[in-house]
Amino acid sequence: MIDSKLNELLDRFEHGDTRALARLITLVENRAAEVSTVMERIYAKTGRAYIIGVTGAPGAGKSTLVNQFIVKYRAQGKIVAVLAIDPSSPFSGGAVLGDRIRMTDHYRDTGVYIRSLSTRGHHGGLSRAAREIVKLLDAFGYGVIIIETVGVGQTELSVMDLANTTVVVTVPEGGDGVQVMKAGLNEIADLFVVNKADRDGADRIKAELELNVHLRPSEGWRPPVLLTQASTGVGIDGLITAIKRHEEYRHEHRDPAREREQRAHEFAEVLTIEMEERTARALKNGATSAQAVMNEVRQGVLNPYSAARRIIEDRRAVAELLGQTDAAREAE
């Protein structure tokens, strides 16, 4: 049965209370035991937002570009959420770059919601919580959700799993276009942006990126390469138009088989995470059967693989780890 306080929080969320949204995001970030209950409650309302991933090297002007996106989409009457995924603080595990120093022009706009999220050391530039937070923002009613990632090369690839359109941002002094390809960003890019295009070398980088795009297989979407100056707004309208074209292309080329596989992949991921987190909580709270085995592992008497096999083959130990009640076990 759902806890009354959580039920009240979810009711407030469903009535558009942004404080309730913030509280639920914090629950997700902290991996609270109630996360699964929250996601079950809101899941049916997801799938309506358009999600844009913005990635690229540090210093490429991604935050300035995102700020321009907010301006343009708000002018279209859309409500916008930004999830800015920042490097973790080595001391607190929290986001080093806080909400208050980002996109300050929009804090009085009730149609904009901005949240920073620590990666907490998670590979891929996205914390484990990012997927659920995006779903919370989607269910809350944000029409456009922008994810800005830390910009750490190959680990940016995971943004592809969340974004409908991925924008890869580079700059003239950021090295040649080949370096972008080496970082693996060519594989996830739906659009390339050469920002700070008033600087020397912008046309060269654009040409190199366009050459690499043309080396792709001929079928499917070909990422355009656009020049922008985010600080002055130059080229932003063209970029918004290109994102819309990609959205239309995705709609026209829907692949039901791929969508089925994506749902199956999400299920496997959620199941794996849920079992991992329930196991961690049970061990922390002193699950007796597993604790005895863990003590043998600690003492070097039992290796981790044999220990895991012993737990998996012990129904009572598995039930303890997964939080199954005695009454539920007796009903089997």
C-alpha atoms as a PDB file:
ATOM      1  CA  MET A   1       0.000   0.000   0.000  1.00  0.00           C
ATOM      2  CA  ILE A   2       1.282   3.425  -0.941  1.00  0.00           C
ATOM      3  CA  ASP A   3       2.424   5.589   1.974  1.00  0.00           C
ATOM      4  CA  SER A   4       0.002   8.460   2.700  1.00  0.00           C
ATOM      5  CA  LYS A   5       2.741  11.125   2.553  1.00  0.00           C
ATOM      6  CA  LEU A   6       3.983   9.799  -0.777  1.00  0.00           C
ATOM      7  CA  ASN A   7       0.410   9.634  -2.055  1.00  0.00           C
ATOM      8  CA  GLU A   8      -0.107  13.269  -1.069  1.00  0.00           C
ATOM      9  CA  LEU A   9       3.142  14.232  -2.817  1.00  0.00           C
ATOM     10  CA  LEU A  10       2.067  12.442  -5.997  1.00  0.00           C
ATOM     11  CA  ASP A  11      -1.340  14.115  -5.870  1.00  0.00           C
ATOM     12  CA  ARG A  12       0.332  17.513  -5.643  1.00  0.00           C
ATOM     13  CA  PHE A  13       2.608  16.544  -8.545  1.00  0.00           C
ATOM     14  CA  GLU A  14      -0.403  15.597 -10.665  1.00  0.00           C
ATOM     15  CA  HIS A  15      -1.970  18.988  -9.901  1.00  0.00           C
ATOM     16  CA  GLY A  16       1.082  20.863 -11.211  1.00  0.00           C
ATOM     17  CA  ASP A  17       2.925  21.652  -7.971  1.00  0.00           C
ATOM     18  CA  THR A  18       6.564  22.282  -8.916  1.00  0.00           C
ATOM     19  CA  ARG A  19       7.664  21.841  -5.297  1.00  0.00           C
ATOM     20  CA  ALA A  20       6.240  18.328  -5.400  1.00  0.00           C
ATOM     21  CA  LEU A  21       8.140  17.752  -8.658  1.00  0.00           C
ATOM     22  CA  ALA A  22      11.364  18.922  -6.992  1.00  0.00           C
ATOM     23  CA  ARG A  23      10.753  16.609  -4.000  1.00  0.00           C
ATOM     24  CA  LEU A  24      10.159  13.615  -6.273  1.00  0.00           C
ATOM     25  CA  ILE A  25      13.316  14.377  -8.258  1.00  0.00           C
ATOM     26  CA  THR A  26      15.265  14.427  -4.995  1.00  0.00           C
ATOM     27  CA  LEU A  27      13.800  11.026  -4.075  1.00  0.00           C
ATOM     28  CA  VAL A  28      14.950   9.681  -7.435  1.00  0.00           C
ATOM     29  CA  GLU A  29      18.425  11.208  -7.077  1.00  0.00           C
ATOM     30  CA  ASN A  30      18.817   9.659  -3.634  1.00  0.00           C
ATOM     31  CA  ARG A  31      17.594   6.267  -4.898  1.00  0.00           C
ATOM     32  CA  ALA A  32      14.883   6.070  -2.237  1.00  0.00           C
ATOM     33  CA  ALA A  33      12.950   2.817  -1.891  1.00  0.00           C
ATOM     34  CA  GLU A  34       9.804   4.615  -3.118  1.00  0.00           C
ATOM     35  CA  VAL A  35      11.223   5.322  -6.600  1.00  0.00           C
ATOM     36  CA  SER A  36       9.558   2.298  -8.228  1.00  0.00           C
ATOM     37  CA  THR A  37       6.181   3.253  -6.748  1.00  0.00           C
ATOM     38  CA  VAL A  38       6.571   6.798  -8.065  1.00  0.00           C
ATOM     39  CA  MET A  39       7.488   5.627 -11.559  1.00  0.00           C
ATOM     40  CA  GLU A  40       4.594   3.155 -11.689  1.00  0.00           C
ATOM     41  CA  ARG A  41       2.191   5.948 -10.786  1.00  0.00           C
ATOM     42  CA  ILE A  42       3.399   8.465 -13.386  1.00  0.00           C
ATOM     43  CA  TYR A  43       4.500   6.178 -16.252  1.00  0.00           C
ATOM     44  CA  ALA A  44       1.213   6.281 -18.195  1.00  0.00           C
ATOM     45  CA  LYS A  45       1.587  10.062 -18.599  1.00  0.00           C
ATOM     46  CA  THR A  46       5.047   9.866 -20.190  1.00  0.00           C
ATOM     47  CA  GLY A  47       5.991   9.824 -23.866  1.00  0.00           C
ATOM     48  CA  ARG A  48       4.611  13.240 -24.822  1.00  0.00           C
ATOM     49  CA  ALA A  49       7.683  15.482 -24.430  1.00  0.00           C
ATOM     50  CA  TYR A  50      10.310  16.026 -27.099  1.00  0.00           C
ATOM     51  CA  ILE A  51      13.760  15.409 -25.649  1.00  0.00           C
ATOM     52  CA  ILE A  52      16.836  17.198 -26.977  1.00  0.00           C
ATOM     53  CA  GLY A  53      20.320  16.146 -25.910  1.00  0.00           C
ATOM     54  CA  VAL A  54      23.081  18.747 -26.089  1.00  0.00           C
ATOM     55  CA  THR A  55      26.607  17.413 -25.792  1.00  0.00           C
ATOM     56  CA  GLY A  56      30.168  18.256 -26.785  1.00  0.00           C
ATOM     57  CA  ALA A  57      33.485  19.353 -25.382  1.00  0.00           C
ATOM     58  CA  PRO A  58      33.680  21.568 -22.266  1.00  0.00           C
ATOM     59  CA  GLY A  59      33.850  25.232 -23.213  1.00  0.00           C
ATOM     60  CA  ALA A  60      31.932  24.784 -26.446  1.00  0.00           C
ATOM     61  CA  GLY A  61      29.163  27.089 -25.251  1.00  0.00           C
ATOM     62  CA  LYS A  62      26.539  24.410 -24.593  1.00  0.00           C
ATOM     63  CA  SER A  63      24.869  26.298 -21.728  1.00  0.00           C
ATOM     64  CA  THR A  64      24.655  29.482 -23.798  1.00  0.00           C
ATOM     65  CA  LEU A  65      23.135  27.458 -26.630  1.00  0.00           C
ATOM     66  CA  VAL A  66      20.606  25.867 -24.255  1.00  0.00           C
ATOM     67  CA  ASN A  67      19.709  29.340 -23.000  1.00  0.00           C
ATOM     68  CA  GLN A  68      18.879  30.321 -26.583  1.00  0.00           C
ATOM     69  CA  PHE A  69      16.780  27.174 -26.983  1.00  0.00           C
ATOM     70  CA  ILE A  70      14.736  28.199 -23.953  1.00  0.00           C
ATOM     71  CA  VAL A  71      14.108  31.653 -25.441  1.00  0.00           C
ATOM     72  CA  LYS A  72      12.993  30.235 -28.789  1.00  0.00           C
ATOM     73  CA  TYR A  73      10.753  27.482 -27.431  1.00  0.00           C
ATOM     74  CA  ARG A  74       9.139  29.832 -24.904  1.00  0.00           C
ATOM     75  CA  ALA A  75       8.390  32.201 -27.788  1.00  0.00           C
ATOM     76  CA  GLN A  76       6.536  29.276 -29.386  1.00  0.00           C
ATOM     77  CA  GLY A  77       4.462  28.926 -26.217  1.00  0.00           C
ATOM     78  CA  LYS A  78       6.074  25.666 -25.115  1.00  0.00           C
ATOM     79  CA  ILE A  79       6.985  24.943 -21.519  1.00  0.00           C
ATOM     80  CA  VAL A  80      10.592  23.864 -21.152  1.00  0.00           C
ATOM     81  CA  ALA A  81      12.599  21.813 -18.666  1.00  0.00           C
ATOM     82  CA  VAL A  82      16.390  21.646 -18.589  1.00  0.00           C
ATOM     83  CA  LEU A  83      18.329  18.844 -16.938  1.00  0.00           C
ATOM     84  CA  ALA A  84      21.946  19.995 -16.638  1.00  0.00           C
ATOM     85  CA  ILE A  85      24.156  17.043 -15.774  1.00  0.00           C
ATOM     86  CA  ASP A  86      27.280  18.300 -14.029  1.00  0.00           C
ATOM     87  CA  PRO A  87      30.575  16.851 -12.780  1.00  0.00           C
ATOM     88  CA  SER A  88      30.281  15.406  -9.282  1.00  0.00           C
ATOM     89  CA  SER A  89      31.750  17.196  -6.307  1.00  0.00           C
ATOM     90  CA  PRO A  90      34.529  14.989  -4.881  1.00  0.00           C
ATOM     91  CA  PHE A  91      33.325  15.900  -1.386  1.00  0.00           C
ATOM     92  CA  SER A  92      29.535  15.794  -1.434  1.00  0.00           C
ATOM     93  CA  GLY A  93      28.764  13.846  -4.610  1.00  0.00           C
ATOM     94  CA  GLY A  94      26.507  16.743  -5.594  1.00  0.00           C
ATOM     95  CA  ALA A  95      26.539  18.892  -8.690  1.00  0.00           C
ATOM     96  CA  VAL A  96      29.466  21.313  -8.720  1.00  0.00           C
ATOM     97  CA  LEU A  97      27.693  23.719 -11.057  1.00  0.00           C
ATOM     98  CA  GLY A  98      24.471  24.610  -9.290  1.00  0.00           C
ATOM     99  CA  ASP A  99      21.169  25.714 -10.763  1.00  0.00           C
ATOM    100  CA  ARG A 100      21.630  29.344  -9.721  1.00  0.00           C
ATOM    101  CA  ILE A 101      24.561  30.091 -12.011  1.00  0.00           C
ATOM    102  CA  ARG A 102      22.857  28.661 -15.070  1.00  0.00           C
ATOM    103  CA  MET A 103      20.403  30.429 -17.355  1.00  0.00           C
ATOM    104  CA  THR A 104      19.507  33.018 -14.728  1.00  0.00           C
ATOM    105  CA  ASP A 105      17.289  34.968 -17.132  1.00  0.00           C
ATOM    106  CA  HIS A 106      14.557  32.332 -16.797  1.00  0.00           C
ATOM    107  CA  TYR A 107      14.125  31.842 -13.075  1.00  0.00           C
ATOM    108  CA  ARG A 108      11.056  34.048 -12.863  1.00  0.00           C
ATOM    109  CA  ASP A 109       9.421  32.274 -15.808  1.00  0.00           C
ATOM    110  CA  THR A 110       6.990  29.641 -14.491  1.00  0.00           C
ATOM    111  CA  GLY A 111       7.126  27.947 -17.904  1.00  0.00           C
ATOM    112  CA  VAL A 112      10.778  27.006 -17.386  1.00  0.00           C
ATOM    113  CA  TYR A 113      12.189  24.479 -14.943  1.00  0.00           C
ATOM    114  CA  ILE A 114      15.954  24.027 -14.539  1.00  0.00           C
ATOM    115  CA  ARG A 115      17.613  21.317 -12.477  1.00  0.00           C
ATOM    116  CA  SER A 116      21.259  20.333 -12.094  1.00  0.00           C
ATOM    117  CA  LEU A 117      22.092  16.690 -11.564  1.00  0.00           C
ATOM    118  CA  SER A 118      25.353  15.194 -10.382  1.00  0.00           C
ATOM    119  CA  THR A 119      26.787  12.305 -12.396  1.00  0.00           C
ATOM    120  CA  ARG A 120      27.866  10.716  -9.073  1.00  0.00           C
ATOM    121  CA  GLY A 121      30.716   9.029 -10.902  1.00  0.00           C
ATOM    122  CA  HIS A 122      28.378   7.220 -13.300  1.00  0.00           C
ATOM    123  CA  HIS A 123      29.966   6.473 -16.676  1.00  0.00           C
ATOM    124  CA  GLY A 124      28.214   7.958 -19.665  1.00  0.00           C
ATOM    125  CA  GLY A 125      27.821  11.465 -18.287  1.00  0.00           C
ATOM    126  CA  LEU A 126      24.342  10.562 -17.063  1.00  0.00           C
ATOM    127  CA  SER A 127      23.499   9.423 -13.582  1.00  0.00           C
ATOM    128  CA  ARG A 128      21.356   6.375 -13.093  1.00  0.00           C
ATOM    129  CA  ALA A 129      18.580   8.747 -12.017  1.00  0.00           C
ATOM    130  CA  ALA A 130      18.534  10.711 -15.282  1.00  0.00           C
ATOM    131  CA  ARG A 131      16.084   8.455 -17.104  1.00  0.00           C
ATOM    132  CA  GLU A 132      13.540   8.591 -14.273  1.00  0.00           C
ATOM    133  CA  ILE A 133      13.935  12.350 -13.856  1.00  0.00           C
ATOM    134  CA  VAL A 134      13.262  12.863 -17.556  1.00  0.00           C
ATOM    135  CA  LYS A 135      10.106  10.777 -17.168  1.00  0.00           C
ATOM    136  CA  LEU A 136       9.024  12.874 -14.182  1.00  0.00           C
ATOM    137  CA  LEU A 137       9.494  16.068 -16.210  1.00  0.00           C
ATOM    138  CA  ASP A 138       7.618  14.499 -19.120  1.00  0.00           C
ATOM    139  CA  ALA A 139       4.695  13.368 -16.928  1.00  0.00           C
ATOM    140  CA  PHE A 140       4.565  16.802 -15.291  1.00  0.00           C
ATOM    141  CA  GLY A 141       3.755  18.272 -18.697  1.00  0.00           C
ATOM    142  CA  TYR A 142       6.927  19.856 -20.061  1.00  0.00           C
ATOM    143  CA  GLY A 143       6.702  19.849 -23.846  1.00  0.00           C
ATOM    144  CA  VAL A 144      10.439  20.215 -24.461  1.00  0.00           C
ATOM    145  CA  ILE A 145      13.078  18.648 -22.212  1.00  0.00           C
ATOM    146  CA  ILE A 146      16.700  19.609 -22.830  1.00  0.00           C
ATOM    147  CA  ILE A 147      19.494  17.465 -21.411  1.00  0.00           C
ATOM    148  CA  GLU A 148      22.898  19.125 -21.268  1.00  0.00           C
ATOM    149  CA  THR A 149      25.710  16.703 -20.506  1.00  0.00           C
ATOM    150  CA  VAL A 150      29.170  17.243 -19.053  1.00  0.00           C
ATOM    151  CA  GLY A 151      31.095  16.787 -22.280  1.00  0.00           C
ATOM    152  CA  VAL A 152      33.624  14.067 -21.555  1.00  0.00           C
ATOM    153  CA  GLY A 153      34.134  12.347 -24.905  1.00  0.00           C
ATOM    154  CA  GLN A 154      33.165   8.724 -25.358  1.00  0.00           C
ATOM    155  CA  THR A 155      31.091   8.566 -22.204  1.00  0.00           C
ATOM    156  CA  GLU A 156      28.624  10.980 -23.848  1.00  0.00           C
ATOM    157  CA  LEU A 157      27.298   8.100 -25.943  1.00  0.00           C
ATOM    158  CA  SER A 158      24.663   7.264 -23.338  1.00  0.00           C
ATOM    159  CA  VAL A 159      22.792  10.502 -24.084  1.00  0.00           C
ATOM    160  CA  MET A 160      21.575   8.751 -27.240  1.00  0.00           C
ATOM    161  CA  ASP A 161      19.368   6.502 -25.133  1.00  0.00           C
ATOM    162  CA  LEU A 162      17.385   9.414 -23.710  1.00  0.00           C
ATOM    163  CA  ALA A 163      17.292  12.045 -26.445  1.00  0.00           C
ATOM    164  CA  ASN A 164      15.008  12.143 -29.478  1.00  0.00           C
ATOM    165  CA  THR A 165      17.428  14.553 -31.130  1.00  0.00           C
ATOM    166  CA  THR A 166      21.094  14.786 -30.149  1.00  0.00           C
ATOM    167  CA  VAL A 167      22.975  18.005 -30.882  1.00  0.00           C
ATOM    168  CA  VAL A 168      26.786  17.734 -30.825  1.00  0.00           C
ATOM    169  CA  VAL A 169      28.484  21.076 -30.241  1.00  0.00           C
ATOM    170  CA  THR A 170      32.067  21.879 -31.188  1.00  0.00           C
ATOM    171  CA  VAL A 171      34.104  25.056 -31.635  1.00  0.00           C
ATOM    172  CA  PRO A 172      36.833  26.130 -34.099  1.00  0.00           C
ATOM    173  CA  GLU A 173      39.622  25.961 -31.497  1.00  0.00           C
ATOM    174  CA  GLY A 174      38.412  22.637 -30.150  1.00  0.00           C
ATOM    175  CA  GLY A 175      40.547  20.606 -32.531  1.00  0.00           C
ATOM    176  CA  ASP A 176      39.675  19.261 -35.949  1.00  0.00           C
ATOM    177  CA  GLY A 177      36.532  17.431 -36.941  1.00  0.00           C
ATOM    178  CA  VAL A 178      38.374  14.121 -36.895  1.00  0.00           C
ATOM    179  CA  GLN A 179      38.763  14.462 -33.105  1.00  0.00           C
ATOM    180  CA  VAL A 180      34.989  14.652 -32.797  1.00  0.00           C
ATOM    181  CA  MET A 181      34.748  11.449 -34.778  1.00  0.00           C
ATOM    182  CA  LYS A 182      37.362   9.758 -32.577  1.00  0.00           C
ATOM    183  CA  ALA A 183      35.345  10.661 -29.500  1.00  0.00           C
ATOM    184  CA  GLY A 184      32.473   8.581 -30.893  1.00  0.00           C
ATOM    185  CA  LEU A 185      30.177  11.584 -31.181  1.00  0.00           C
ATOM    186  CA  ASN A 186      29.672  10.994 -34.902  1.00  0.00           C
ATOM    187  CA  GLU A 187      27.612   7.921 -34.038  1.00  0.00           C
ATOM    188  CA  ILE A 188      25.137   9.727 -31.817  1.00  0.00           C
ATOM    189  CA  ALA A 189      24.873  13.106 -33.566  1.00  0.00           C
ATOM    190  CA  ASP A 190      21.621  14.033 -35.280  1.00  0.00           C
ATOM    191  CA  LEU A 191      22.884  17.578 -35.761  1.00  0.00           C
ATOM    192  CA  PHE A 192      26.348  19.086 -35.584  1.00  0.00           C
ATOM    193  CA  VAL A 193      26.846  22.667 -34.425  1.00  0.00           C
ATOM    194  CA  VAL A 194      30.045  24.649 -34.853  1.00  0.00           C
ATOM    195  CA  ASN A 195      29.528  27.326 -32.212  1.00  0.00           C
ATOM    196  CA  LYS A 196      31.514  30.574 -31.880  1.00  0.00           C
ATOM    197  CA  ALA A 197      31.528  30.568 -35.672  1.00  0.00           C
ATOM    198  CA  ASP A 198      32.928  34.103 -35.847  1.00  0.00           C
ATOM    199  CA  ARG A 199      36.329  32.684 -34.887  1.00  0.00           C
ATOM    200  CA  ASP A 200      39.022  31.514 -37.292  1.00  0.00           C
ATOM    201  CA  GLY A 201      38.715  27.947 -38.452  1.00  0.00           C
ATOM    202  CA  ALA A 202      34.922  27.614 -38.215  1.00  0.00           C
ATOM    203  CA  ASP A 203      34.466  26.992 -41.942  1.00  0.00           C
ATOM    204  CA  ARG A 204      37.249  24.392 -41.922  1.00  0.00           C
ATOM    205  CA  ILE A 205      35.668  22.469 -39.037  1.00  0.00           C
ATOM    206  CA  LYS A 206      32.286  22.645 -40.783  1.00  0.00           C
ATOM    207  CA  ALA A 207      33.785  21.225 -43.990  1.00  0.00           C
ATOM    208  CA  GLU A 208      35.522  18.396 -42.113  1.00  0.00           C
ATOM    209  CA  LEU A 209      32.327  17.445 -40.297  1.00  0.00           C
ATOM    210  CA  GLU A 210      30.318  17.535 -43.531  1.00  0.00           C
ATOM    211  CA  LEU A 211      32.890  15.249 -45.171  1.00  0.00           C
ATOM    212  CA  ASN A 212      32.571  12.771 -42.321  1.00  0.00           C
ATOM    213  CA  VAL A 213      28.773  12.890 -42.566  1.00  0.00           C
ATOM    214  CA  HIS A 214      28.984  12.046 -46.261  1.00  0.00           C
ATOM    215  CA  LEU A 215      31.102   8.994 -45.433  1.00  0.00           C
ATOM    216  CA  ARG A 216      28.141   7.554 -43.559  1.00  0.00           C
ATOM    217  CA  PRO A 217      25.905   4.957 -45.258  1.00  0.00           C
ATOM    218  CA  SER A 218      23.601   6.693 -47.733  1.00  0.00           C
ATOM    219  CA  GLU A 219      20.329   5.506 -46.181  1.00  0.00           C
ATOM    220  CA  GLY A 220      18.771   7.228 -43.200  1.00  0.00           C
ATOM    221  CA  TRP A 221      19.109  10.683 -41.708  1.00  0.00           C
ATOM    222  CA  ARG A 222      22.193  12.712 -42.594  1.00  0.00           C
ATOM    223  CA  PRO A 223      23.138  15.135 -39.810  1.00  0.00           C
ATOM    224  CA  PRO A 224      23.381  18.731 -41.039  1.00  0.00           C
ATOM    225  CA  VAL A 225      26.293  20.880 -39.849  1.00  0.00           C
ATOM    226  CA  LEU A 226      25.298  24.363 -38.723  1.00  0.00           C
ATOM    227  CA  LEU A 227      27.269  27.455 -37.749  1.00  0.00           C
ATOM    228  CA  THR A 228      26.099  29.416 -34.707  1.00  0.00           C
ATOM    229  CA  GLN A 229      27.129  32.238 -32.427  1.00  0.00           C
ATOM    230  CA  ALA A 230      25.081  31.390 -29.360  1.00  0.00           C
ATOM    231  CA  SER A 231      26.170  34.458 -27.410  1.00  0.00           C
ATOM    232  CA  THR A 232      24.542  36.756 -29.993  1.00  0.00           C
ATOM    233  CA  GLY A 233      21.788  34.458 -31.263  1.00  0.00           C
ATOM    234  CA  VAL A 234      23.220  34.092 -34.756  1.00  0.00           C
ATOM    235  CA  GLY A 235      22.154  30.832 -36.417  1.00  0.00           C
ATOM    236  CA  ILE A 236      19.779  29.779 -33.628  1.00  0.00           C
ATOM    237  CA  ASP A 237      16.626  30.012 -35.745  1.00  0.00           C
ATOM    238  CA  GLY A 238      18.196  27.714 -38.324  1.00  0.00           C
ATOM    239  CA  LEU A 239      19.165  25.264 -35.592  1.00  0.00           C
ATOM    240  CA  ILE A 240      15.623  25.187 -34.172  1.00  0.00           C
ATOM    241  CA  THR A 241      14.313  24.561 -37.699  1.00  0.00           C
ATOM    242  CA  ALA A 242      16.793  21.693 -38.181  1.00  0.00           C
ATOM    243  CA  ILE A 243      15.681  20.091 -34.905  1.00  0.00           C
ATOM    244  CA  LYS A 244      12.056  20.321 -36.110  1.00  0.00           C
ATOM    245  CA  ARG A 245      13.010  18.673 -39.407  1.00  0.00           C
ATOM    246  CA  HIS A 246      14.643  15.827 -37.521  1.00  0.00           C
ATOM    247  CA  GLU A 247      11.541  15.452 -35.344  1.00  0.00           C
ATOM    248  CA  GLU A 248       9.396  15.215 -38.490  1.00  0.00           C
ATOM    249  CA  TYR A 249      11.814  12.715 -40.030  1.00  0.00           C
ATOM    250  CA  ARG A 250      11.575  10.507 -36.917  1.00  0.00           C
ATOM    251  CA  HIS A 251       7.794  10.662 -37.077  1.00  0.00           C
ATOM    252  CA  GLU A 252       7.727   9.721 -40.760  1.00  0.00           C
ATOM    253  CA  HIS A 253      10.198   6.846 -40.300  1.00  0.00           C
ATOM    254  CA  ARG A 254       8.884   5.223 -37.133  1.00  0.00           C
ATOM    255  CA  ASP A 255      10.131   1.676 -36.649  1.00  0.00           C
ATOM    256  CA  PRO A 256       7.650  -0.347 -34.537  1.00  0.00           C
ATOM    257  CA  ALA A 257      10.098  -3.245 -34.232  1.00  0.00           C
ATOM    258  CA  ARG A 258      12.790  -0.937 -32.858  1.00  0.00           C
ATOM    259  CA  GLU A 259      10.297   0.621 -30.430  1.00  0.00           C
ATOM    260  CA  ARG A 260       9.407  -2.853 -29.134  1.00  0.00           C
ATOM    261  CA  GLU A 261      13.084  -3.612 -28.601  1.00  0.00           C
ATOM    262  CA  GLN A 262      13.574  -0.295 -26.787  1.00  0.00           C
ATOM    263  CA  ARG A 263      10.716  -1.127 -24.413  1.00  0.00           C
ATOM    264  CA  ALA A 264      12.169  -4.568 -23.790  1.00  0.00           C
ATOM    265  CA  HIS A 265      15.604  -3.033 -23.147  1.00  0.00           C
ATOM    266  CA  GLU A 266      14.088  -0.549 -20.703  1.00  0.00           C
ATOM    267  CA  PHE A 267      12.335  -3.370 -18.858  1.00  0.00           C
ATOM    268  CA  ALA A 268      15.584  -5.355 -18.553  1.00  0.00           C
ATOM    269  CA  GLU A 269      17.407  -2.252 -17.316  1.00  0.00           C
ATOM    270  CA  VAL A 270      14.719  -1.399 -14.752  1.00  0.00           C
ATOM    271  CA  LEU A 271      14.585  -5.001 -13.519  1.00  0.00           C
ATOM    272  CA  THR A 272      18.383  -5.128 -13.134  1.00  0.00           C
ATOM    273  CA  ILE A 273      18.511  -1.807 -11.281  1.00  0.00           C
ATOM    274  CA  GLU A 274      15.577  -2.714  -9.040  1.00  0.00           C
ATOM    275  CA  MET A 275      17.167  -6.020  -8.014  1.00  0.00           C
ATOM    276  CA  GLU A 276      20.527  -4.333  -7.441  1.00  0.00           C
ATOM    277  CA  GLU A 277      19.045  -1.598  -5.272  1.00  0.00           C
ATOM    278  CA  ARG A 278      16.835  -3.956  -3.267  1.00  0.00           C
ATOM    279  CA  THR A 279      19.847  -6.183  -2.661  1.00  0.00           C
ATOM    280  CA  ALA A 280      21.972  -3.245  -1.503  1.00  0.00           C
ATOM    281  CA  ARG A 281      19.254  -2.064   0.896  1.00  0.00           C
ATOM    282  CA  ALA A 282      18.714  -5.575   2.278  1.00  0.00           C
ATOM    283  CA  LEU A 283      22.434  -6.074   2.920  1.00  0.00           C
ATOM    284  CA  LYS A 284      22.659  -2.671   4.574  1.00  0.00           C
ATOM    285  CA  ASN A 285      19.691  -3.517   6.794  1.00  0.00           C
ATOM    286  CA  GLY A 286      21.160  -6.867   7.819  1.00  0.00           C
ATOM    287  CA  ALA A 287      19.397  -9.533   5.711  1.00  0.00           C
ATOM    288  CA  THR A 288      20.378 -12.593   7.773  1.00  0.00           C
ATOM    289  CA  SER A 289      20.914 -15.266   5.129  1.00  0.00           C
ATOM    290  CA  ALA A 290      22.952 -13.005   2.873  1.00  0.00           C
ATOM    291  CA  GLN A 291      24.923 -11.531   5.789  1.00  0.00           C
ATOM    292  CA  ALA A 292      26.218 -14.979   6.767  1.00  0.00           C
ATOM    293  CA  VAL A 293      27.444 -15.543   3.220  1.00  0.00           C
ATOM    294  CA  MET A 294      28.916 -12.031   3.062  1.00  0.00           C
ATOM    295  CA  ASN A 295      30.882 -12.669   6.252  1.00  0.00           C
ATOM    296  CA  GLU A 296      32.453 -15.717   4.612  1.00  0.00           C
ATOM    297  CA  VAL A 297      33.383 -13.574   1.596  1.00  0.00           C
ATOM    298  CA  ARG A 298      34.915 -10.923   3.857  1.00  0.00           C
ATOM    299  CA  GLN A 299      37.023 -13.550   5.626  1.00  0.00           C
ATOM    300  CA  GLY A 300      38.253 -14.974   2.317  1.00  0.00           C
ATOM    301  CA  VAL A 301      36.630 -18.336   3.005  1.00  0.00           C
ATOM    302  CA  LEU A 302      34.244 -18.056   0.037  1.00  0.00           C
ATOM    303  CA  ASN A 303      34.805 -16.430  -3.348  1.00  0.00           C
ATOM    304  CA  PRO A 304      32.199 -13.916  -4.649  1.00  0.00           C
ATOM    305  CA  TYR A 305      31.015 -16.170  -7.490  1.00  0.00           C
ATOM    306  CA  SER A 306      30.327 -19.165  -5.278  1.00  0.00           C
ATOM    307  CA  ALA A 307      28.703 -16.823  -2.765  1.00  0.00           C
ATOM    308  CA  ALA A 308      26.406 -15.346  -5.397  1.00  0.00           C
ATOM    309  CA  ARG A 309      25.441 -18.837  -6.598  1.00  0.00           C
ATOM    310  CA  ARG A 310      24.630 -19.911  -3.042  1.00  0.00           C
ATOM    311  CA  ILE A 311      22.326 -16.916  -2.554  1.00  0.00           C
ATOM    312  CA  ILE A 312      20.609 -17.311  -5.928  1.00  0.00           C
ATOM    313  CA  GLU A 313      19.871 -20.990  -5.241  1.00  0.00           C
ATOM    314  CA  ASP A 314      18.443 -20.230  -1.776  1.00  0.00           C
ATOM    315  CA  ARG A 315      14.817 -19.089  -2.191  1.00  0.00           C
ATOM    316  CA  ARG A 316      14.601 -17.725   1.347  1.00  0.00           C
ATOM    317  CA  ALA A 317      17.771 -15.651   0.873  1.00  0.00           C
ATOM    318  CA  VAL A 318      16.491 -14.311  -2.447  1.00  0.00           C
ATOM    319  CA  ALA A 319      13.160 -13.418  -0.870  1.00  0.00           C
ATOM    320  CA  GLU A 320      14.975 -11.514   1.900  1.00  0.00           C
ATOM    321  CA  LEU A 321      17.089  -9.599  -0.585  1.00  0.00           C
ATOM    322  CA  LEU A 322      14.133  -8.647  -2.747  1.00  0.00           C
ATOM    323  CA  GLY A 323      12.048  -7.554   0.226  1.00  0.00           C
ATOM    324  CA  GLN A 324       9.432 -10.275  -0.106  1.00  0.00           C
ATOM    325  CA  THR A 325       7.351 -10.690   3.049  1.00  0.00           C
ATOM    326  CA  ASP A 326       6.860 -13.904   4.996  1.00  0.00           C
ATOM    327  CA  ALA A 327       3.157 -13.803   4.156  1.00  0.00           C
ATOM    328  CA  ALA A 328       3.906 -13.566   0.430  1.00  0.00           C
ATOM    329  CA  ARG A 329       6.306 -16.504   0.642  1.00  0.00           C
ATOM    330  CA  GLU A 330       3.735 -18.625   2.488  1.00  0.00           C
ATOM    331  CA  ALA A 331       1.161 -17.841  -0.191  1.00  0.00           C
ATOM    332  CA  GLU A 332       3.363 -19.350  -2.916  1.00  0.00           C
END
